[in-house]
N, C-alpha and C. Protein backbone atom coordinates (compact mmCIF):
# COMPACT_ATOMS: atom_id res chain seq x y z
N MET A 1 22.66 9.65 19.00
CA MET A 1 21.97 10.52 18.40
C MET A 1 20.63 9.91 17.74
N GLY A 2 19.41 10.48 18.15
CA GLY A 2 18.23 9.87 17.75
C GLY A 2 17.72 10.55 16.57
N ILE A 3 16.80 9.82 15.79
CA ILE A 3 16.14 10.29 14.67
C ILE A 3 14.62 10.34 14.92
N ALA A 4 13.91 11.63 14.82
CA ALA A 4 12.67 11.79 15.02
C ALA A 4 11.82 11.64 13.69
N LEU A 5 11.00 10.57 13.77
CA LEU A 5 10.25 10.12 12.68
C LEU A 5 8.68 10.40 12.75
N ARG A 6 8.26 10.98 11.90
CA ARG A 6 6.70 11.31 11.98
C ARG A 6 6.06 9.90 11.80
N SER A 7 4.69 9.86 12.26
CA SER A 7 4.02 8.52 12.11
C SER A 7 3.62 8.35 10.55
N PHE A 8 3.63 7.04 10.21
CA PHE A 8 3.32 6.81 8.96
C PHE A 8 1.78 6.84 8.67
N GLU A 9 1.30 7.28 7.55
CA GLU A 9 -0.14 7.32 7.29
C GLU A 9 -0.43 6.06 6.64
N ILE A 10 -1.51 5.30 7.23
CA ILE A 10 -1.80 4.14 6.60
C ILE A 10 -2.87 4.19 5.51
N PRO A 11 -2.79 3.59 4.32
CA PRO A 11 -3.62 3.91 3.35
C PRO A 11 -5.00 3.60 3.78
N LYS A 12 -5.94 4.31 3.44
CA LYS A 12 -7.51 4.34 3.71
C LYS A 12 -8.33 3.28 3.09
N LYS A 13 -7.78 2.84 1.97
CA LYS A 13 -8.61 1.87 1.17
C LYS A 13 -7.72 0.65 0.71
N LEU A 14 -8.31 -0.51 0.69
CA LEU A 14 -7.68 -1.61 0.34
C LEU A 14 -8.68 -2.55 -0.60
N VAL A 15 -8.47 -2.61 -1.91
CA VAL A 15 -9.47 -3.21 -2.78
C VAL A 15 -8.84 -4.55 -3.48
N CYS A 16 -9.42 -5.57 -3.55
CA CYS A 16 -8.98 -6.74 -4.11
C CYS A 16 -9.54 -6.75 -5.72
N ASP A 17 -8.82 -6.73 -6.73
CA ASP A 17 -9.28 -6.53 -7.98
C ASP A 17 -9.63 -8.03 -8.46
N GLU A 18 -11.01 -7.92 -8.48
CA GLU A 18 -11.86 -9.25 -8.93
C GLU A 18 -11.66 -9.81 -10.35
N GLU A 19 -11.14 -9.06 -11.24
CA GLU A 19 -10.89 -9.37 -12.47
C GLU A 19 -9.76 -10.37 -12.50
N THR A 20 -8.67 -10.06 -11.68
CA THR A 20 -7.26 -10.81 -11.97
C THR A 20 -7.30 -11.79 -10.75
N LEU A 21 -8.54 -12.15 -9.92
CA LEU A 21 -8.46 -12.99 -8.86
C LEU A 21 -8.52 -14.65 -9.32
N THR A 22 -7.51 -15.23 -8.85
CA THR A 22 -7.70 -16.87 -9.13
C THR A 22 -7.34 -17.42 -7.83
N ALA A 23 -7.16 -18.82 -7.85
CA ALA A 23 -6.89 -19.51 -6.56
C ALA A 23 -5.38 -19.33 -6.20
N GLU A 24 -4.59 -18.95 -7.19
CA GLU A 24 -3.02 -18.80 -6.93
C GLU A 24 -2.69 -17.36 -6.85
N TYR A 25 -3.59 -16.37 -7.45
CA TYR A 25 -3.12 -14.90 -7.60
C TYR A 25 -4.28 -14.09 -7.24
N GLY A 26 -3.92 -12.91 -6.67
CA GLY A 26 -4.74 -11.85 -6.48
C GLY A 26 -4.08 -10.51 -6.36
N LYS A 27 -4.80 -9.59 -7.18
CA LYS A 27 -4.16 -8.27 -7.14
C LYS A 27 -4.90 -7.24 -6.11
N PHE A 28 -4.12 -6.71 -5.39
CA PHE A 28 -4.74 -5.75 -4.22
C PHE A 28 -4.41 -4.31 -4.51
N ILE A 29 -5.27 -3.38 -4.38
CA ILE A 29 -4.73 -2.11 -4.60
C ILE A 29 -5.06 -1.25 -3.28
N ALA A 30 -4.07 -0.62 -2.83
CA ALA A 30 -4.14 0.04 -1.54
C ALA A 30 -3.73 1.66 -1.85
N GLU A 31 -4.57 2.51 -1.45
CA GLU A 31 -4.28 3.93 -1.69
C GLU A 31 -5.22 4.74 -0.71
N PRO A 32 -4.70 5.88 -0.32
CA PRO A 32 -3.56 6.79 -0.98
C PRO A 32 -2.15 6.46 -0.03
N PHE A 33 -1.10 6.37 -0.72
CA PHE A 33 0.11 6.28 0.03
C PHE A 33 0.64 7.75 0.09
N GLU A 34 1.51 7.77 1.36
CA GLU A 34 2.22 9.03 1.39
C GLU A 34 3.15 9.20 0.16
N ARG A 35 3.50 10.41 0.06
CA ARG A 35 4.33 10.88 -1.19
C ARG A 35 5.62 10.28 -0.80
N GLY A 36 6.15 9.57 -1.89
CA GLY A 36 7.38 8.62 -2.06
C GLY A 36 7.29 7.28 -1.54
N TYR A 37 6.18 6.62 -1.02
CA TYR A 37 6.21 5.47 -0.58
C TYR A 37 5.60 4.45 -1.58
N GLY A 38 4.99 4.94 -2.81
CA GLY A 38 4.48 4.03 -3.74
C GLY A 38 5.47 3.23 -4.41
N VAL A 39 6.82 3.73 -4.70
CA VAL A 39 7.85 3.09 -5.25
C VAL A 39 8.40 2.01 -4.24
N THR A 40 8.68 2.59 -3.06
CA THR A 40 9.20 1.60 -1.93
C THR A 40 8.29 0.25 -1.77
N ILE A 41 7.04 0.51 -1.72
CA ILE A 41 6.25 -0.60 -1.57
C ILE A 41 5.87 -1.37 -2.77
N GLY A 42 5.73 -0.66 -3.91
CA GLY A 42 5.31 -1.39 -5.14
C GLY A 42 6.58 -2.05 -5.83
């Protein structure tokens, strides 16, 4: 039995938060996610 999945919508925007950027750490913001994927990814 197969499962039909629709295609995953890739976030249109990826931004690096310059305020938190260091040599060892970087915070990236990707948006918008499809409904329900924010908790899964984050």
